[in-house]
Amino acid sequence: MIPSHRYVVAFVINVVLPTAAYRAMLPHVGLAVALLASALPLIAWMGVDFLRSRHVDALSAIVLAGIALSLLLLISQPVAWLRAAREPLVSGVIGVLFLCSLALRRPLVFYLARSTLSREHERRELEFDAMWASRPPLARSIRLMTAVWGIGLVGENAMRLGIASMLDGRDPHWLSLCIRYVTYGGLMAWTVAYRRLYIKRQ
């Protein structure tokens, strides 16, 4: 399973830095350019990771895909309240991808865990493949984590967009930011606690 400190690193790289870049650029440029700016920390991290270990971080790739899909939505004549919300749909898009991946033989969390393990040791991903095939409880736990994160991300995005649409032009930034960090903090805390419980049971 993934070491607990990895969640903190992943949170900073894939949530804090893109959000900071988006917020820093939004007052000066349009939504689309600000969204592009949020992708720069991810691209930089993926480039450094690839040069260092010939490895592409799976979570960063998923977040980058979410940014790309959100950008396509923003530039394709969105409804007025969505543009007024001044919020990217990255987390909601990623949540939908997580939930849709439950229909696949291996959901997205499987690839995230495999990616992290392969970075730690050259052949650990092969061990993880073997455990996935031979340990049904592991497969169930990965699917549960995928479902929880998918529901959490979609719910977080829906709440932020709902608040933005109800405030009628007032700046919902502080409340939106609180919801974002509370949701991600709760999901991370649950993941760490569930991981420890799984290891204890096994």
C-alpha atoms as a PDB file:
ATOM      1  CA  MET A   1       0.000   0.000   0.000  1.00  0.00           C
ATOM      2  CA  ILE A   2       1.039   3.648  -0.412  1.00  0.00           C
ATOM      3  CA  PRO A   3       3.033   5.213   2.485  1.00  0.00           C
ATOM      4  CA  SER A   4       1.026   7.893   4.331  1.00  0.00           C
ATOM      5  CA  HIS A   5       3.425  10.761   3.567  1.00  0.00           C
ATOM      6  CA  ARG A   6       2.816  10.202  -0.147  1.00  0.00           C
ATOM      7  CA  TYR A   7      -0.695  11.567   0.274  1.00  0.00           C
ATOM      8  CA  VAL A   8       0.671  14.862   1.621  1.00  0.00           C
ATOM      9  CA  VAL A   9       3.131  15.206  -1.273  1.00  0.00           C
ATOM     10  CA  ALA A  10       0.402  14.337  -3.782  1.00  0.00           C
ATOM     11  CA  PHE A  11      -1.935  16.893  -2.182  1.00  0.00           C
ATOM     12  CA  VAL A  12       0.611  19.701  -2.440  1.00  0.00           C
ATOM     13  CA  ILE A  13       1.611  18.939  -6.034  1.00  0.00           C
ATOM     14  CA  ASN A  14      -1.800  18.149  -7.450  1.00  0.00           C
ATOM     15  CA  VAL A  15      -4.085  20.446  -5.431  1.00  0.00           C
ATOM     16  CA  VAL A  16      -2.260  23.249  -3.614  1.00  0.00           C
ATOM     17  CA  LEU A  17       0.125  24.347  -6.375  1.00  0.00           C
ATOM     18  CA  PRO A  18      -2.403  24.249  -9.255  1.00  0.00           C
ATOM     19  CA  THR A  19      -4.962  26.087  -7.095  1.00  0.00           C
ATOM     20  CA  ALA A  20      -2.404  28.737  -6.120  1.00  0.00           C
ATOM     21  CA  ALA A  21      -1.403  29.244  -9.760  1.00  0.00           C
ATOM     22  CA  TYR A  22      -5.054  29.529 -10.816  1.00  0.00           C
ATOM     23  CA  ARG A  23      -5.884  32.056  -8.101  1.00  0.00           C
ATOM     24  CA  ALA A  24      -2.760  34.117  -8.765  1.00  0.00           C
ATOM     25  CA  MET A  25      -3.532  34.440 -12.468  1.00  0.00           C
ATOM     26  CA  LEU A  26      -7.336  34.781 -12.390  1.00  0.00           C
ATOM     27  CA  PRO A  27      -7.455  38.524 -11.444  1.00  0.00           C
ATOM     28  CA  HIS A  28      -5.149  39.379 -14.351  1.00  0.00           C
ATOM     29  CA  VAL A  29      -6.254  37.060 -17.166  1.00  0.00           C
ATOM     30  CA  GLY A  30      -9.343  35.200 -18.317  1.00  0.00           C
ATOM     31  CA  LEU A  31     -10.642  31.909 -16.985  1.00  0.00           C
ATOM     32  CA  ALA A  32      -9.088  29.875 -19.765  1.00  0.00           C
ATOM     33  CA  VAL A  33      -5.590  31.316 -19.317  1.00  0.00           C
ATOM     34  CA  ALA A  34      -5.808  30.938 -15.530  1.00  0.00           C
ATOM     35  CA  LEU A  35      -6.778  27.322 -16.019  1.00  0.00           C
ATOM     36  CA  LEU A  36      -3.805  26.828 -18.319  1.00  0.00           C
ATOM     37  CA  ALA A  37      -1.578  28.366 -15.630  1.00  0.00           C
ATOM     38  CA  SER A  38      -2.854  25.802 -13.121  1.00  0.00           C
ATOM     39  CA  ALA A  39      -1.477  23.071 -15.371  1.00  0.00           C
ATOM     40  CA  LEU A  40       2.083  24.421 -15.305  1.00  0.00           C
ATOM     41  CA  PRO A  41       3.062  22.985 -11.869  1.00  0.00           C
ATOM     42  CA  LEU A  42       1.818  19.575 -12.986  1.00  0.00           C
ATOM     43  CA  ILE A  43       3.711  19.710 -16.268  1.00  0.00           C
ATOM     44  CA  ALA A  44       6.883  20.799 -14.448  1.00  0.00           C
ATOM     45  CA  TRP A  45       6.552  18.006 -11.874  1.00  0.00           C
ATOM     46  CA  MET A  46       5.883  15.363 -14.518  1.00  0.00           C
ATOM     47  CA  GLY A  47       8.893  16.566 -16.531  1.00  0.00           C
ATOM     48  CA  VAL A  48      11.232  16.442 -13.525  1.00  0.00           C
ATOM     49  CA  ASP A  49       9.871  13.047 -12.509  1.00  0.00           C
ATOM     50  CA  PHE A  50      10.379  11.652 -15.994  1.00  0.00           C
ATOM     51  CA  LEU A  51      13.927  12.972 -16.309  1.00  0.00           C
ATOM     52  CA  ARG A  52      14.825  11.653 -12.879  1.00  0.00           C
ATOM     53  CA  SER A  53      13.246   8.215 -12.977  1.00  0.00           C
ATOM     54  CA  ARG A  54      11.832   7.740 -16.500  1.00  0.00           C
ATOM     55  CA  HIS A  55       8.438   7.611 -14.829  1.00  0.00           C
ATOM     56  CA  VAL A  56       5.218   9.579 -15.350  1.00  0.00           C
ATOM     57  CA  ASP A  57       3.177  10.311 -12.243  1.00  0.00           C
ATOM     58  CA  ALA A  58      -0.270   8.814 -12.818  1.00  0.00           C
ATOM     59  CA  LEU A  59      -2.147  11.153 -10.462  1.00  0.00           C
ATOM     60  CA  SER A  60      -0.644  14.258 -12.047  1.00  0.00           C
ATOM     61  CA  ALA A  61      -1.576  12.883 -15.473  1.00  0.00           C
ATOM     62  CA  ILE A  62      -5.178  12.400 -14.324  1.00  0.00           C
ATOM     63  CA  VAL A  63      -5.371  15.919 -12.879  1.00  0.00           C
ATOM     64  CA  LEU A  64      -3.878  17.297 -16.097  1.00  0.00           C
ATOM     65  CA  ALA A  65      -6.526  15.438 -18.093  1.00  0.00           C
ATOM     66  CA  GLY A  66      -9.184  16.940 -15.827  1.00  0.00           C
ATOM     67  CA  ILE A  67      -7.811  20.433 -16.481  1.00  0.00           C
ATOM     68  CA  ALA A  68      -7.872  19.790 -20.227  1.00  0.00           C
ATOM     69  CA  LEU A  69     -11.490  18.601 -20.120  1.00  0.00           C
ATOM     70  CA  SER A  70     -12.489  21.537 -17.925  1.00  0.00           C
ATOM     71  CA  LEU A  71     -10.823  23.923 -20.360  1.00  0.00           C
ATOM     72  CA  LEU A  72     -12.764  22.418 -23.240  1.00  0.00           C
ATOM     73  CA  LEU A  73     -15.994  22.912 -21.297  1.00  0.00           C
ATOM     74  CA  LEU A  74     -15.179  26.525 -20.416  1.00  0.00           C
ATOM     75  CA  ILE A  75     -14.450  27.516 -24.024  1.00  0.00           C
ATOM     76  CA  SER A  76     -17.463  25.710 -25.498  1.00  0.00           C
ATOM     77  CA  GLN A  77     -20.173  28.279 -24.718  1.00  0.00           C
ATOM     78  CA  PRO A  78     -20.919  27.322 -21.090  1.00  0.00           C
ATOM     79  CA  VAL A  79     -24.141  28.443 -19.431  1.00  0.00           C
ATOM     80  CA  ALA A  80     -24.049  31.854 -17.771  1.00  0.00           C
ATOM     81  CA  TRP A  81     -24.049  30.657 -14.161  1.00  0.00           C
ATOM     82  CA  LEU A  82     -21.090  28.359 -14.834  1.00  0.00           C
ATOM     83  CA  ARG A  83     -19.008  31.215 -16.226  1.00  0.00           C
ATOM     84  CA  ALA A  84     -20.119  33.440 -13.340  1.00  0.00           C
ATOM     85  CA  ALA A  85     -18.933  30.806 -10.879  1.00  0.00           C
ATOM     86  CA  ARG A  86     -15.339  31.561 -11.914  1.00  0.00           C
ATOM     87  CA  GLU A  87     -14.336  28.071 -10.791  1.00  0.00           C
ATOM     88  CA  PRO A  88     -12.729  25.293 -12.823  1.00  0.00           C
ATOM     89  CA  LEU A  89     -14.488  21.937 -12.945  1.00  0.00           C
ATOM     90  CA  VAL A  90     -11.279  19.948 -12.545  1.00  0.00           C
ATOM     91  CA  SER A  91     -12.223  18.096  -9.369  1.00  0.00           C
ATOM     92  CA  GLY A  92     -15.679  17.244 -10.665  1.00  0.00           C
ATOM     93  CA  VAL A  93     -14.295  15.909 -13.945  1.00  0.00           C
ATOM     94  CA  ILE A  94     -11.736  13.795 -12.082  1.00  0.00           C
ATOM     95  CA  GLY A  95     -14.463  12.508  -9.757  1.00  0.00           C
ATOM     96  CA  VAL A  96     -16.545  11.425 -12.738  1.00  0.00           C
ATOM     97  CA  LEU A  97     -13.498   9.663 -14.209  1.00  0.00           C
ATOM     98  CA  PHE A  98     -12.985   7.814 -10.911  1.00  0.00           C
ATOM     99  CA  LEU A  99     -16.605   6.677 -10.806  1.00  0.00           C
ATOM    100  CA  CYS A 100     -16.631   5.641 -14.461  1.00  0.00           C
ATOM    101  CA  SER A 101     -13.451   3.606 -13.932  1.00  0.00           C
ATOM    102  CA  LEU A 102     -15.353   1.364 -11.498  1.00  0.00           C
ATOM    103  CA  ALA A 103     -16.875  -0.272 -14.574  1.00  0.00           C
ATOM    104  CA  LEU A 104     -13.394  -1.300 -15.739  1.00  0.00           C
ATOM    105  CA  ARG A 105     -11.457  -4.373 -14.665  1.00  0.00           C
ATOM    106  CA  ARG A 106      -8.968  -2.130 -12.869  1.00  0.00           C
ATOM    107  CA  PRO A 107     -10.181   1.238 -11.504  1.00  0.00           C
ATOM    108  CA  LEU A 108      -8.102   4.415 -11.428  1.00  0.00           C
ATOM    109  CA  VAL A 109      -6.866   3.997  -7.848  1.00  0.00           C
ATOM    110  CA  PHE A 110      -5.197   0.757  -8.938  1.00  0.00           C
ATOM    111  CA  TYR A 111      -3.058   2.669 -11.425  1.00  0.00           C
ATOM    112  CA  LEU A 112      -2.321   5.418  -8.907  1.00  0.00           C
ATOM    113  CA  ALA A 113      -1.061   2.891  -6.351  1.00  0.00           C
ATOM    114  CA  ARG A 114       0.885   1.002  -8.985  1.00  0.00           C
ATOM    115  CA  SER A 115       2.500   4.199 -10.219  1.00  0.00           C
ATOM    116  CA  THR A 116       3.650   5.167  -6.732  1.00  0.00           C
ATOM    117  CA  LEU A 117       5.061   1.729  -5.986  1.00  0.00           C
ATOM    118  CA  SER A 118       6.946   1.589  -9.281  1.00  0.00           C
ATOM    119  CA  ARG A 119       8.682   4.850  -8.377  1.00  0.00           C
ATOM    120  CA  GLU A 120       9.877   3.393  -5.066  1.00  0.00           C
ATOM    121  CA  HIS A 121      11.324   0.208  -6.522  1.00  0.00           C
ATOM    122  CA  GLU A 122      11.823  -0.991 -10.072  1.00  0.00           C
ATOM    123  CA  ARG A 123       9.817  -4.211  -9.799  1.00  0.00           C
ATOM    124  CA  ARG A 124       7.308  -3.409  -7.068  1.00  0.00           C
ATOM    125  CA  GLU A 125       4.593  -2.801  -9.642  1.00  0.00           C
ATOM    126  CA  LEU A 126       4.897  -6.479 -10.657  1.00  0.00           C
ATOM    127  CA  GLU A 127       4.404  -7.498  -7.028  1.00  0.00           C
ATOM    128  CA  PHE A 128       1.344  -5.266  -6.869  1.00  0.00           C
ATOM    129  CA  ASP A 129      -0.074  -6.871 -10.026  1.00  0.00           C
ATOM    130  CA  ALA A 130       0.373 -10.285  -8.428  1.00  0.00           C
ATOM    131  CA  MET A 131      -1.318  -9.165  -5.193  1.00  0.00           C
ATOM    132  CA  TRP A 132      -4.208  -7.680  -7.146  1.00  0.00           C
ATOM    133  CA  ALA A 133      -4.781 -11.042  -8.862  1.00  0.00           C
ATOM    134  CA  SER A 134      -4.361 -13.196  -5.746  1.00  0.00           C
ATOM    135  CA  ARG A 135      -5.930 -11.065  -2.981  1.00  0.00           C
ATOM    136  CA  PRO A 136      -9.638 -10.279  -3.468  1.00  0.00           C
ATOM    137  CA  PRO A 137      -9.702  -8.063  -0.310  1.00  0.00           C
ATOM    138  CA  LEU A 138      -7.098  -5.812  -1.899  1.00  0.00           C
ATOM    139  CA  ALA A 139      -9.173  -5.485  -5.060  1.00  0.00           C
ATOM    140  CA  ARG A 140     -12.271  -4.653  -2.989  1.00  0.00           C
ATOM    141  CA  SER A 141     -10.378  -2.040  -0.981  1.00  0.00           C
ATOM    142  CA  ILE A 142      -9.070  -0.385  -4.147  1.00  0.00           C
ATOM    143  CA  ARG A 143     -12.575  -0.243  -5.602  1.00  0.00           C
ATOM    144  CA  LEU A 144     -13.955   1.211  -2.364  1.00  0.00           C
ATOM    145  CA  MET A 145     -11.273   3.912  -2.352  1.00  0.00           C
ATOM    146  CA  THR A 146     -12.072   4.718  -5.978  1.00  0.00           C
ATOM    147  CA  ALA A 147     -15.782   5.075  -5.172  1.00  0.00           C
ATOM    148  CA  VAL A 148     -15.217   7.222  -2.071  1.00  0.00           C
ATOM    149  CA  TRP A 149     -12.846   9.603  -3.860  1.00  0.00           C
ATOM    150  CA  GLY A 150     -15.117   9.796  -6.907  1.00  0.00           C
ATOM    151  CA  ILE A 151     -18.205  10.634  -4.847  1.00  0.00           C
ATOM    152  CA  GLY A 152     -16.231  13.059  -2.684  1.00  0.00           C
ATOM    153  CA  LEU A 153     -14.769  14.971  -5.635  1.00  0.00           C
ATOM    154  CA  VAL A 154     -18.068  15.207  -7.500  1.00  0.00           C
ATOM    155  CA  GLY A 155     -19.838  16.322  -4.315  1.00  0.00           C
ATOM    156  CA  GLU A 156     -17.166  18.947  -3.566  1.00  0.00           C
ATOM    157  CA  ASN A 157     -17.409  20.414  -7.057  1.00  0.00           C
ATOM    158  CA  ALA A 158     -21.215  20.421  -6.953  1.00  0.00           C
ATOM    159  CA  MET A 159     -21.250  22.270  -3.609  1.00  0.00           C
ATOM    160  CA  ARG A 160     -18.776  24.922  -4.790  1.00  0.00           C
ATOM    161  CA  LEU A 161     -20.649  25.563  -8.021  1.00  0.00           C
ATOM    162  CA  GLY A 162     -23.967  25.627  -6.163  1.00  0.00           C
ATOM    163  CA  ILE A 163     -22.683  28.210  -3.694  1.00  0.00           C
ATOM    164  CA  ALA A 164     -21.252  30.337  -6.493  1.00  0.00           C
ATOM    165  CA  SER A 165     -24.552  30.301  -8.376  1.00  0.00           C
ATOM    166  CA  MET A 166     -26.576  31.293  -5.272  1.00  0.00           C
ATOM    167  CA  LEU A 167     -24.390  34.220  -4.195  1.00  0.00           C
ATOM    168  CA  ASP A 168     -25.468  36.361  -7.193  1.00  0.00           C
ATOM    169  CA  GLY A 169     -22.157  37.940  -8.113  1.00  0.00           C
ATOM    170  CA  ARG A 170     -20.695  38.165  -4.591  1.00  0.00           C
ATOM    171  CA  ASP A 171     -17.241  36.675  -4.221  1.00  0.00           C
ATOM    172  CA  PRO A 172     -17.608  33.072  -2.981  1.00  0.00           C
ATOM    173  CA  HIS A 173     -13.842  32.551  -2.942  1.00  0.00           C
ATOM    174  CA  TRP A 174     -13.343  32.077   0.808  1.00  0.00           C
ATOM    175  CA  LEU A 175     -16.251  29.670   1.250  1.00  0.00           C
ATOM    176  CA  SER A 176     -15.365  27.767  -1.928  1.00  0.00           C
ATOM    177  CA  LEU A 177     -11.785  27.418  -0.743  1.00  0.00           C
ATOM    178  CA  CYS A 178     -12.919  26.147   2.668  1.00  0.00           C
ATOM    179  CA  ILE A 179     -15.109  23.499   1.060  1.00  0.00           C
ATOM    180  CA  ARG A 180     -12.252  22.426  -1.191  1.00  0.00           C
ATOM    181  CA  TYR A 181      -9.686  21.978   1.558  1.00  0.00           C
ATOM    182  CA  VAL A 182     -12.120  20.430   4.039  1.00  0.00           C
ATOM    183  CA  THR A 183     -13.163  17.897   1.404  1.00  0.00           C
ATOM    184  CA  TYR A 184      -9.620  17.005   0.373  1.00  0.00           C
ATOM    185  CA  GLY A 185      -8.478  16.913   4.006  1.00  0.00           C
ATOM    186  CA  GLY A 186     -11.365  14.611   4.902  1.00  0.00           C
ATOM    187  CA  LEU A 187     -10.693  12.309   1.950  1.00  0.00           C
ATOM    188  CA  MET A 188      -6.992  12.116   2.796  1.00  0.00           C
ATOM    189  CA  ALA A 189      -7.691  11.443   6.489  1.00  0.00           C
ATOM    190  CA  TRP A 190     -10.176   8.718   5.587  1.00  0.00           C
ATOM    191  CA  THR A 191      -7.710   7.164   3.117  1.00  0.00           C
ATOM    192  CA  VAL A 192      -4.883   7.057   5.670  1.00  0.00           C
ATOM    193  CA  ALA A 193      -7.188   5.619   8.368  1.00  0.00           C
ATOM    194  CA  TYR A 194      -8.661   3.047   5.981  1.00  0.00           C
ATOM    195  CA  ARG A 195      -5.196   2.047   4.780  1.00  0.00           C
ATOM    196  CA  ARG A 196      -4.034   1.444   8.349  1.00  0.00           C
ATOM    197  CA  LEU A 197      -7.171  -0.552   9.135  1.00  0.00           C
ATOM    198  CA  TYR A 198      -6.664  -2.666   5.998  1.00  0.00           C
ATOM    199  CA  ILE A 199      -3.044  -3.415   6.909  1.00  0.00           C
ATOM    200  CA  LYS A 200      -4.055  -4.303  10.473  1.00  0.00           C
ATOM    201  CA  ARG A 201      -6.727  -6.712   9.261  1.00  0.00           C
ATOM    202  CA  GLN A 202      -4.373  -8.354   6.768  1.00  0.00           C
END
